[in-house]
Structures are given as structure tokens and as C-alpha cells.
Amino acid sequence: MTVLFCLPYAGGDATTLYGSWRAPLAPGTEVVPLDFPGRGRRHREPVAASPEQLVDDVLDAVRRQVRPGEPWAVFGHSMGAMVAHRAAAEASHRTGTTPPRAVFVSGRRPPGDGPVSPVGIGSLDELLANAASWGGIPPDLTARPHLARPLLAGLAHDLSLSHDPVRTPPVLDCPVHVLWSDGDPLTRPDRIGGWALVSRGPVTFHRFAGDHFFIGPTGARALPVVRQVLSSEVAGDPLPGGATTTADGNGPDGGWAPASGQGKVDATGFGRPTAAQTGHRSGPSDSRSLERRRLLARPAPQGGS
């Protein structure tokens, strides 16, 4: 049995977003939608005061629900991706916590990369305008802001925590799967390749179309990627990774389908990492990480990735 923890975006409800994932995934996968404190089914609990508290909360859930030696994985979108990556990194280096077998980060800029533009949360009207531009507010609520404002207070708090903790995380050893869209206003296509630096294991980039919420209101567009990876885990095959894939509408469920370049980390076209990004490497280098650096350092081909 593989336990998959699923983390929501800022202000999101994990059960609403991921509750329908149980049936479509492999029979040997247990899906655990994990709300942040103060959100969703945990709305009566005090909210977290720091991103570090969110990371600790996830690791507490892992220790409660994963038996010693049992495989687990974690999926997070947007703010949830930041927490998923940090929790996986901490689990890999904490005594008594089994490291994950796979990490899925969706709709999130690489660690250490600043926001594309400042996120205005000074007033609820400003936040409403921003959230609408990301694709996160239905048009009927945008037209009636008084209905949206109760939801925005929680979003504003979560966004205040949606930043990289100060301490540099350890480098992972497990496969990392990066789900991204070149239409996402909160990430930059020329910088998304910075995720290739977070693991000594294979890093796979899955390209989608759409805005910041490109995985859909119930995460359905991400399911084929997750299903393939975890099905390999349940079957005992090596976890797939180190490829570039594209959600072009021709794959299973009308969404994801493999593109050319399978079998290697293909970070070309994502841009050169900044000094801050390369400075986030820690631990010994190996041939895979060195090759990944060379791939990232190549200039982007004309026409983009």
C-alpha cells in the first residue's frame, strides 16, 4: 500500500480538491487529502503561524498514518507544493521518518525563486482582483464581491505563509515530478527548470495548458500523471522519472500524454538558474546532478521549450 498525501493551494479545501482521487488511482494507493490547520475539515483548529508549522503538521500526519517501511508520496498544488517539497526534504533527513518514494509539485515556482510579481493582499478588493486574474474566482463571485469576501480572509492568511522558509532545505534523493503551465501567471517558464536542482534523483517536468489552476477544480487533469507514477510503485517497477511530458489533450482522460525526450532530465529551454538557485544545492554532487546543471546552463532554443 502506498499512502499519497494531497495538499491544497492557499485557502483551499483538500477534501473538495482531492476527494474524488481515490477511485481512479491504483487499488494499492491510499489517498489522504490533508487540510491545513484551520481549513476544510480542520476549520475549528487554530491556523498555522509559519510555513515551518505547516511542514511539521504534514510530517506529524506521515508519522501517524504511515507504518514503518510503508511507501508514501506527496502531491501539492501552489502553496501545497511548497509545503510538500519542504516536508519531503525534512522527512529524508529526520530520524524516525521514512523518506517519500515520490514528490509531486504542481503550479509552484522553484524554491528560492521570488514571486513573479508582488501579491497584493492589502485589501480584500485588491486580493479579489488578483485571485480572479489567477483563475481562482468564478465569474459569478467576481461580479458579486460581497459573496467572495468571506473566503478571501483565509486566502489572505495562507498567502502570508506561502513563502520559502529561511532555512535551505536538504536535497532530495527521490523522484520529483513538476507539473506546470506556461499560462500560469504565478510561475515563469524560463525559471521553472530550477526544480531540477532539488533532488539527486530523476526530475520530470509535465507541461500543461491553462491558468494557475490548470489541474482543474478537482485536480482531474493531474490524475494521469499521478496514476502512472504510483501504478509503477504498486507493481514494484522503478518509479518513472527524468522526462519531459506535455498535457496536449491526447493522453488518458483527455489530458496528459508523453512527449519526446523520455528517459532523461530535459530542463533545456527553461532558462539558466540564478546564483541563488544553484546556491541551494547541498550535499555531495554526483554525475546526475552535474549533468542536470549542464542541461540547465544551456541556452534556451529558439521558440521556447
Protein backbone atom coordinates (compact mmCIF):
# COMPACT_ATOMS: atom_id res chain seq x y z
CA MET A 1 0.00 0.00 0.00
CA THR A 2 1.30 3.43 -0.98
CA VAL A 3 -0.07 6.36 1.01
CA LEU A 4 -0.49 9.55 -1.05
CA PHE A 5 -0.84 12.77 0.93
CA CYS A 6 -2.50 15.57 -1.07
CA LEU A 7 -2.03 19.20 -0.06
CA PRO A 8 -4.24 22.08 -1.29
CA TYR A 9 -3.45 25.56 -2.53
CA ALA A 10 -3.76 28.64 -0.32
CA GLY A 11 -7.29 28.94 1.05
CA GLY A 12 -8.20 25.56 -0.44
CA ASP A 13 -10.09 22.55 0.89
CA ALA A 14 -8.15 19.32 0.38
CA THR A 15 -11.23 17.09 0.52
CA THR A 16 -13.02 19.10 -2.17
CA LEU A 17 -9.93 19.16 -4.37
CA TYR A 18 -8.72 15.58 -3.97
CA GLY A 19 -11.68 13.62 -2.57
CA SER A 20 -12.50 12.13 -5.97
CA TRP A 21 -8.98 10.74 -6.46
CA ARG A 22 -9.49 7.52 -4.51
CA ALA A 23 -11.32 5.51 -7.17
CA PRO A 24 -9.23 6.44 -10.25
CA LEU A 25 -5.87 5.58 -8.67
CA ALA A 26 -4.34 2.14 -8.30
CA PRO A 27 -6.04 -0.22 -5.82
CA GLY A 28 -2.83 -0.26 -3.79
CA THR A 29 -2.94 3.53 -3.22
CA GLU A 30 -4.48 5.18 -0.17
CA VAL A 31 -5.34 8.83 -0.87
CA VAL A 32 -5.16 11.16 2.15
CA PRO A 33 -6.43 14.69 1.43
CA LEU A 34 -4.69 16.73 4.12
CA ASP A 35 -6.23 20.05 5.09
CA PHE A 36 -4.02 22.67 6.66
CA PRO A 37 -4.93 23.68 10.24
CA GLY A 38 -7.93 26.00 10.25
CA ARG A 39 -9.07 24.92 6.77
CA GLY A 40 -11.63 22.44 5.42
CA ARG A 41 -12.45 19.68 7.90
CA ARG A 42 -9.99 21.23 10.36
CA HIS A 43 -11.66 24.63 10.34
CA ARG A 44 -12.06 24.64 14.13
CA GLU A 45 -8.31 24.33 14.70
CA PRO A 46 -6.01 27.35 15.07
CA VAL A 47 -4.34 28.30 11.80
CA ALA A 48 -0.60 27.84 11.38
CA ALA A 49 1.61 30.81 12.17
CA SER A 50 4.52 29.91 9.90
CA PRO A 51 5.39 27.70 6.92
CA GLU A 52 7.54 25.62 9.26
CA GLN A 53 4.42 24.75 11.27
CA LEU A 54 2.73 23.56 8.09
CA VAL A 55 5.70 21.31 7.31
CA ASP A 56 5.66 19.87 10.84
CA ASP A 57 1.91 19.28 10.52
CA VAL A 58 2.42 17.18 7.39
CA LEU A 59 5.21 15.17 8.99
CA ASP A 60 3.00 14.51 12.02
CA ALA A 61 0.37 13.08 9.64
CA VAL A 62 3.00 10.92 7.96
CA ARG A 63 4.14 9.51 11.29
CA ARG A 64 0.53 8.77 12.30
CA GLN A 65 -0.62 7.17 9.07
CA VAL A 66 2.42 5.51 7.50
CA ARG A 67 3.66 2.30 9.07
CA PRO A 68 7.44 1.73 9.31
CA GLY A 69 8.75 0.74 5.90
CA GLU A 70 5.45 1.54 4.13
CA PRO A 71 5.92 3.68 0.99
CA TRP A 72 4.34 7.11 0.76
CA ALA A 73 4.27 10.02 -1.66
CA VAL A 74 3.05 13.61 -1.51
CA PHE A 75 1.27 15.87 -4.01
CA GLY A 76 0.79 19.60 -3.55
CA HIS A 77 -0.50 22.41 -5.71
CA SER A 78 0.74 26.01 -5.41
CA MET A 79 1.27 26.69 -1.69
CA GLY A 80 0.72 22.97 -1.14
CA ALA A 81 3.65 22.24 -3.45
CA MET A 82 5.94 24.40 -1.33
CA VAL A 83 4.86 22.54 1.80
CA ALA A 84 5.09 19.13 0.06
CA HIS A 85 8.66 19.75 -1.07
CA ARG A 86 9.74 21.02 2.34
CA ALA A 87 8.08 18.14 4.18
CA ALA A 88 9.67 15.58 1.87
CA ALA A 89 13.09 17.16 2.34
CA GLU A 90 12.73 17.19 6.12
CA ALA A 91 11.45 13.60 6.17
CA SER A 92 14.52 12.47 4.26
CA HIS A 93 16.80 13.74 7.00
CA ARG A 94 14.83 13.27 10.23
CA THR A 95 15.40 10.24 12.38
CA GLY A 96 12.36 8.01 12.63
CA THR A 97 10.63 9.34 9.50
CA THR A 98 10.60 7.28 6.30
CA PRO A 99 11.51 9.40 3.26
CA PRO A 100 8.92 9.57 0.46
CA ARG A 101 9.10 7.49 -2.69
CA ALA A 102 7.93 10.36 -4.93
CA VAL A 103 7.10 14.07 -4.70
CA PHE A 104 4.65 15.90 -6.98
CA VAL A 105 4.92 19.70 -7.07
CA SER A 106 2.28 21.50 -9.12
CA GLY A 107 1.80 25.16 -10.02
CA ARG A 108 4.70 26.44 -7.93
CA ARG A 109 7.82 28.46 -8.65
CA PRO A 110 11.12 26.72 -7.75
CA PRO A 111 12.48 27.13 -4.23
CA GLY A 112 14.38 30.37 -3.81
CA ASP A 113 12.77 31.99 -6.85
CA GLY A 114 10.83 35.12 -5.91
CA PRO A 115 7.22 35.79 -6.89
CA VAL A 116 6.58 36.78 -10.49
CA SER A 117 5.01 39.99 -9.16
CA PRO A 118 4.07 41.20 -5.67
CA VAL A 119 0.83 39.64 -4.48
CA GLY A 120 -1.36 42.42 -3.17
CA ILE A 121 -3.23 41.38 -0.04
CA GLY A 122 -3.51 44.85 1.49
CA SER A 123 -7.27 44.90 0.96
CA LEU A 124 -9.86 42.26 0.15
CA ASP A 125 -10.79 44.08 -3.06
CA GLU A 126 -7.17 44.01 -4.20
CA LEU A 127 -6.89 40.32 -3.30
CA LEU A 128 -10.15 39.57 -5.13
CA ALA A 129 -8.78 41.18 -8.30
CA ASN A 130 -5.55 39.20 -8.03
CA ALA A 131 -7.28 35.89 -7.34
CA ALA A 132 -9.62 36.46 -10.29
CA SER A 133 -6.62 37.05 -12.58
CA TRP A 134 -5.14 33.71 -11.48
CA GLY A 135 -8.33 31.86 -12.43
CA GLY A 136 -9.28 31.07 -8.84
CA ILE A 137 -12.52 33.05 -8.51
CA PRO A 138 -15.61 32.07 -10.55
CA PRO A 139 -17.03 34.93 -12.64
CA ASP A 140 -20.29 34.97 -10.67
CA LEU A 141 -18.39 35.65 -7.45
CA THR A 142 -16.22 38.27 -9.10
CA ALA A 143 -19.37 40.11 -10.12
CA ARG A 144 -20.70 39.89 -6.54
CA PRO A 145 -17.66 40.56 -4.36
CA HIS A 146 -19.67 40.59 -1.13
CA LEU A 147 -20.10 36.82 -1.56
CA ALA A 148 -16.38 36.26 -2.14
CA ARG A 149 -15.06 38.33 0.77
CA PRO A 150 -15.68 35.68 3.48
CA LEU A 151 -13.44 33.30 1.53
CA LEU A 152 -10.72 35.87 0.99
CA ALA A 153 -9.78 36.31 4.65
CA GLY A 154 -8.50 32.73 4.82
CA LEU A 155 -6.76 33.11 1.49
CA ALA A 156 -5.00 36.26 2.69
CA HIS A 157 -3.67 34.46 5.76
CA ASP A 158 -2.44 31.48 3.76
CA LEU A 159 -0.71 33.72 1.23
CA SER A 160 1.18 35.36 4.08
CA LEU A 161 2.68 31.90 4.77
CA SER A 162 3.24 30.96 1.13
CA HIS A 163 6.92 31.77 1.01
CA ASP A 164 10.06 29.69 1.29
CA PRO A 165 11.20 29.23 4.89
CA VAL A 166 14.54 30.86 5.62
CA ARG A 167 16.45 27.63 6.15
CA THR A 168 17.71 25.96 2.98
CA PRO A 169 16.11 22.51 2.65
CA PRO A 170 18.13 19.32 2.23
CA VAL A 171 18.40 17.91 -1.28
CA LEU A 172 16.03 15.03 -2.02
CA ASP A 173 17.04 11.62 -3.35
CA CYS A 174 13.62 10.54 -4.64
CA PRO A 175 11.94 11.24 -8.00
CA VAL A 176 10.32 14.66 -8.28
CA HIS A 177 7.50 15.39 -10.73
CA VAL A 178 6.94 19.04 -11.65
CA LEU A 179 3.51 19.92 -13.09
CA TRP A 180 3.45 23.37 -14.66
CA SER A 181 1.70 25.53 -17.24
CA ASP A 182 3.21 28.22 -19.41
CA GLY A 183 -0.10 30.09 -18.97
CA ASP A 184 0.24 30.19 -15.17
CA PRO A 185 0.67 33.85 -14.14
CA LEU A 186 2.39 32.83 -10.88
CA THR A 187 5.31 30.92 -12.43
CA ARG A 188 7.81 31.76 -15.14
CA PRO A 189 8.52 29.26 -17.93
CA ASP A 190 12.13 30.44 -18.16
CA ARG A 191 12.71 29.68 -14.46
CA ILE A 192 10.66 26.54 -13.82
CA GLY A 193 13.75 24.42 -14.53
CA GLY A 194 15.12 25.45 -11.15
CA TRP A 195 13.17 22.50 -9.74
CA ALA A 196 15.78 20.23 -11.31
CA LEU A 197 18.18 21.25 -8.54
CA VAL A 198 16.10 19.96 -5.63
CA SER A 199 16.82 16.24 -6.00
CA ARG A 200 19.68 13.90 -6.82
CA GLY A 201 17.02 11.57 -8.20
CA PRO A 202 15.24 11.97 -11.54
CA VAL A 203 13.21 15.15 -12.05
CA THR A 204 10.34 15.09 -14.53
CA PHE A 205 8.59 18.15 -16.00
CA HIS A 206 4.95 17.73 -17.04
CA ARG A 207 3.73 20.67 -19.11
CA PHE A 208 0.03 21.61 -19.10
CA ALA A 209 -2.11 24.32 -20.66
CA GLY A 210 -4.20 26.71 -18.61
CA ASP A 211 -4.01 29.30 -15.84
CA HIS A 212 -2.76 28.82 -12.28
CA PHE A 213 -5.48 26.23 -11.62
CA PHE A 214 -4.59 24.14 -14.66
CA ILE A 215 -5.14 20.85 -12.81
CA GLY A 216 -8.88 21.60 -12.67
CA PRO A 217 -11.30 22.16 -9.77
CA THR A 218 -10.99 18.53 -8.62
CA GLY A 219 -7.40 18.01 -9.76
CA ALA A 220 -8.59 15.63 -12.50
CA ARG A 221 -6.06 16.79 -15.11
CA ALA A 222 -3.19 15.75 -12.83
CA LEU A 223 -4.56 12.26 -12.25
CA PRO A 224 -2.99 10.51 -15.28
CA VAL A 225 0.49 11.64 -14.22
CA VAL A 226 -0.04 10.56 -10.62
CA ARG A 227 -1.66 7.28 -11.66
CA GLN A 228 1.21 6.28 -13.92
CA VAL A 229 3.85 7.01 -11.31
CA LEU A 230 2.05 5.28 -8.46
CA SER A 231 0.97 2.32 -10.59
CA SER A 232 4.64 1.66 -11.24
CA GLU A 233 5.25 1.85 -7.50
CA VAL A 234 2.46 -0.63 -6.70
CA ALA A 235 3.71 -3.02 -9.38
CA GLY A 236 7.20 -2.89 -7.92
CA ASP A 237 8.68 -1.29 -11.03
CA PRO A 238 11.17 1.57 -10.76
CA LEU A 239 9.38 4.88 -10.32
CA PRO A 240 9.31 6.64 -13.68
CA GLY A 241 11.08 9.96 -13.85
CA GLY A 242 13.55 12.10 -15.70
CA ALA A 243 11.39 13.00 -18.70
CA THR A 244 9.50 15.87 -20.23
CA THR A 245 5.79 15.32 -20.83
CA THR A 246 3.04 17.50 -22.20
CA ALA A 247 -0.68 17.63 -21.46
CA ASP A 248 -1.85 18.18 -25.02
CA GLY A 249 -5.30 16.59 -24.84
CA ASN A 250 -4.18 13.35 -26.46
CA GLY A 251 -3.39 11.38 -23.34
CA PRO A 252 -5.55 9.35 -20.95
CA ASP A 253 -8.61 11.23 -19.71
CA GLY A 254 -8.10 13.77 -22.49
CA GLY A 255 -5.23 15.40 -20.65
CA TRP A 256 -1.69 14.20 -20.14
CA ALA A 257 0.37 12.41 -22.78
CA PRO A 258 4.11 11.74 -23.00
CA ALA A 259 6.12 14.00 -25.26
CA SER A 260 9.51 13.41 -26.85
CA GLY A 261 12.54 13.27 -24.59
CA GLN A 262 11.52 10.37 -22.36
CA GLY A 263 14.26 8.83 -20.30
CA LYS A 264 16.33 11.87 -19.35
CA VAL A 265 16.04 15.06 -17.39
CA ASP A 266 15.20 17.63 -20.04
CA ALA A 267 15.48 21.06 -18.49
CA THR A 268 16.64 22.82 -21.62
CA GLY A 269 14.51 25.76 -22.60
CA PHE A 270 13.63 26.55 -19.00
CA GLY A 271 16.39 29.13 -18.64
CA ARG A 272 19.62 29.45 -16.75
CA PRO A 273 19.41 29.05 -12.95
CA THR A 274 20.29 32.06 -10.87
CA ALA A 275 23.11 32.12 -8.37
CA ALA A 276 20.52 31.83 -5.62
CA GLN A 277 19.08 28.70 -7.19
CA THR A 278 22.40 26.97 -7.67
CA GLY A 279 23.36 28.01 -4.16
CA HIS A 280 20.52 25.88 -2.84
CA ARG A 281 22.44 22.73 -3.67
CA SER A 282 23.72 20.92 -0.60
CA GLY A 283 25.40 17.60 -0.08
CA PRO A 284 27.81 15.81 -2.42
CA SER A 285 27.42 16.17 -6.16
CA ASP A 286 27.13 13.12 -8.38
CA SER A 287 27.11 12.56 -12.12
CA ARG A 288 23.35 13.04 -12.38
CA SER A 289 23.33 16.37 -10.57
CA LEU A 290 26.31 17.59 -12.61
CA GLU A 291 24.58 16.62 -15.84
CA ARG A 292 21.44 18.37 -14.65
CA ARG A 293 23.45 21.56 -14.05
CA ARG A 294 24.86 21.36 -17.57
CA LEU A 295 21.37 20.91 -19.01
CA LEU A 296 20.09 23.90 -17.09
CA ALA A 297 23.02 26.04 -18.17
CA ARG A 298 22.38 25.52 -21.89
CA PRO A 299 20.74 28.47 -23.63
CA ALA A 300 17.08 28.01 -24.48
CA PRO A 301 16.46 27.02 -28.11
CA GLN A 302 14.56 29.44 -30.31
CA GLY A 303 10.84 29.01 -30.00
CA GLY A 304 10.92 28.16 -26.27
CA SER A 305 10.86 24.74 -24.67
